[in-house]
Amino acid sequence: MHARIRRIRNRWRYRRLLRLHRFTRDERGIQLVEVTIVIPIFLMLFAATAEFGRYYYEYTTLAKAARVGARYMSTAINPVAEETNAQKLVVYGNINGTGTPILPGLGLANVKVTRTGGPIASIPETVTVEIINYKHQPIFDLGKLTKSTVSMNVAIKPSVTMRYLQTQPPPI
């Protein structure tokens, strides 16, 4: 091959190589690619943190309400008659049963009061207040977002047991 033709071809190859090399040094748009990779991960972490916070809030609210109901039942003079008042106290925060429930979806059927032990049926040894059949309703259901079978719709079941403090039978 003639030397002149070889030089021309080499120049064209060198120019093509420089054009391709230019793209390897160009960093425009790299940040956009990084953001598209990182944003979904951050959103999932944010949603998981928010859901855990909501679940913890609901659990502690129900645990405190059950504790108040158990404390009320442990000092009740007639625990058999005061059971519905304790349920209202747990659900509404007052024994009248007025107002809105402390958590959405909580009802009197979700509160179970159990009296155990004792020499007479009207004088129990311990009183237990349980929250039953109450489910956490997630805002971000991560199981549906990730198309898996894992669900954040889990049951919240706090219970509190206290010793009954009234040792005398109720007045007749």
Foldseek 3Di string as FASTA:
>chain_A
DDPVVVVVVVVVVVVVVVVVVVVVPDPPPVVVVVCVVCVVVVVVVVQVVVLVVLVVVVLVLLQVLQVVLQVCLLADQFNVVCVQQSLLCSQPVGSVNDDHGPDPPDDSVQWDKDFDPDPDPRAGQKIKIKGPDDWDDGPDFVCVVVVHPDGNGGDRMDMDMDTRDDPDHHDD
